[in-house]
Amino acid sequence: FDDLIAIQENKDVLPEAGLDLVFSHDFWGQKLDDWQSHKSFRPLTILSFRASYILAGRRWDEMHFHAANVVLHALVALLVLPAARL
């Protein structure tokens, strides 16, 4: 329900936005020091949205975003597996 604001209207998701913006803005694209900012700092999430957007051919395609999310979750699970064996 918040995909429109968090992803499609968030200029930080677009590749044209500099990486410095990803690390100086909150999840919603507001400056972290802005009084309207939620202070929700999630740069990895924004970078994953950006990667999904690029891999989808620079268009908003839910299937590509979902597939990228599944792949990222699988990779994290594989990375955690060795630690779980300890």
Protein backbone atom coordinates (compact mmCIF):
# COMPACT_ATOMS: atom_id res chain seq x y z
CA PHE A 1 0.00 0.00 0.00
CA ASP A 2 2.96 2.31 0.44
CA ASP A 3 4.79 1.16 -2.71
CA LEU A 4 3.73 4.23 -4.64
CA ILE A 5 5.34 6.63 -2.14
CA ALA A 6 8.26 4.46 -1.01
CA ILE A 7 9.32 3.27 -4.44
CA GLN A 8 7.73 5.01 -7.42
CA GLU A 9 7.73 8.55 -5.99
CA ASN A 10 11.09 8.19 -4.21
CA LYS A 11 13.69 9.85 -6.45
CA ASP A 12 16.49 8.03 -4.59
CA VAL A 13 15.39 4.79 -6.27
CA LEU A 14 16.22 6.19 -9.70
CA PRO A 15 19.77 5.54 -10.95
CA GLU A 16 20.13 9.22 -11.85
CA ALA A 17 20.11 10.13 -8.15
CA GLY A 18 23.57 10.07 -6.66
CA LEU A 19 24.56 7.41 -4.16
CA ASP A 20 25.22 10.17 -1.65
CA LEU A 21 21.46 10.83 -1.56
CA VAL A 22 20.75 7.20 -0.66
CA PHE A 23 23.00 7.57 2.36
CA SER A 24 21.74 11.00 3.41
CA HIS A 25 17.97 10.49 2.98
CA ASP A 26 15.48 8.39 4.90
CA PHE A 27 13.47 5.50 3.45
CA TRP A 28 10.90 7.91 2.02
CA GLY A 29 13.43 10.15 0.23
CA GLN A 30 13.44 12.98 2.79
CA LYS A 31 16.67 14.47 4.09
CA LEU A 32 17.52 12.80 7.39
CA ASP A 33 17.93 16.15 9.13
CA ASP A 34 14.60 17.46 7.81
CA TRP A 35 11.90 17.92 10.44
CA GLN A 36 9.49 15.89 8.27
CA SER A 37 11.85 12.91 8.10
CA HIS A 38 10.80 9.70 9.80
CA LYS A 39 14.52 9.04 10.44
CA SER A 40 14.04 5.54 8.98
CA PHE A 41 17.51 5.02 7.49
CA ARG A 42 17.42 1.98 5.16
CA PRO A 43 19.97 2.46 2.38
CA LEU A 44 20.23 -1.25 1.50
CA THR A 45 16.50 -1.40 0.86
CA ILE A 46 16.65 1.64 -1.41
CA LEU A 47 19.65 0.16 -3.25
CA SER A 48 17.74 -3.10 -3.77
CA PHE A 49 14.80 -1.10 -5.19
CA ARG A 50 17.24 0.68 -7.49
CA ALA A 51 18.78 -2.61 -8.66
CA SER A 52 15.31 -4.05 -9.30
CA TYR A 53 14.33 -0.95 -11.29
CA ILE A 54 17.47 -1.22 -13.43
CA LEU A 55 17.07 -4.99 -13.96
CA ALA A 56 13.43 -4.44 -14.95
CA GLY A 57 14.58 -2.24 -17.83
CA ARG A 58 14.01 1.05 -15.98
CA ARG A 59 10.30 0.46 -15.51
CA TRP A 60 8.08 -0.29 -12.54
CA ASP A 61 7.46 -4.02 -12.89
CA GLU A 62 6.12 -5.80 -9.81
CA MET A 63 7.28 -9.23 -11.00
CA HIS A 64 10.90 -8.10 -11.32
CA PHE A 65 10.78 -6.46 -7.90
CA HIS A 66 9.30 -9.62 -6.37
CA ALA A 67 11.81 -11.90 -8.11
CA ALA A 68 14.73 -9.73 -6.98
CA ASN A 69 13.40 -9.84 -3.43
CA VAL A 70 13.17 -13.64 -3.49
CA VAL A 71 16.72 -13.92 -4.84
CA LEU A 72 18.08 -11.53 -2.20
CA HIS A 73 16.34 -13.45 0.58
CA ALA A 74 17.74 -16.73 -0.73
CA LEU A 75 21.26 -15.28 -0.84
CA VAL A 76 20.98 -14.03 2.73
CA ALA A 77 19.71 -17.44 3.84
CA LEU A 78 22.72 -19.10 2.19
CA LEU A 79 25.06 -16.65 3.91
CA VAL A 80 23.48 -17.32 7.29
CA LEU A 81 23.58 -21.10 6.87
CA PRO A 82 27.26 -21.50 7.86
CA ALA A 83 26.70 -19.41 10.99
CA ALA A 84 23.66 -21.52 11.91
CA ARG A 85 25.82 -24.66 11.88
CA LEU A 86 28.00 -23.33 14.70
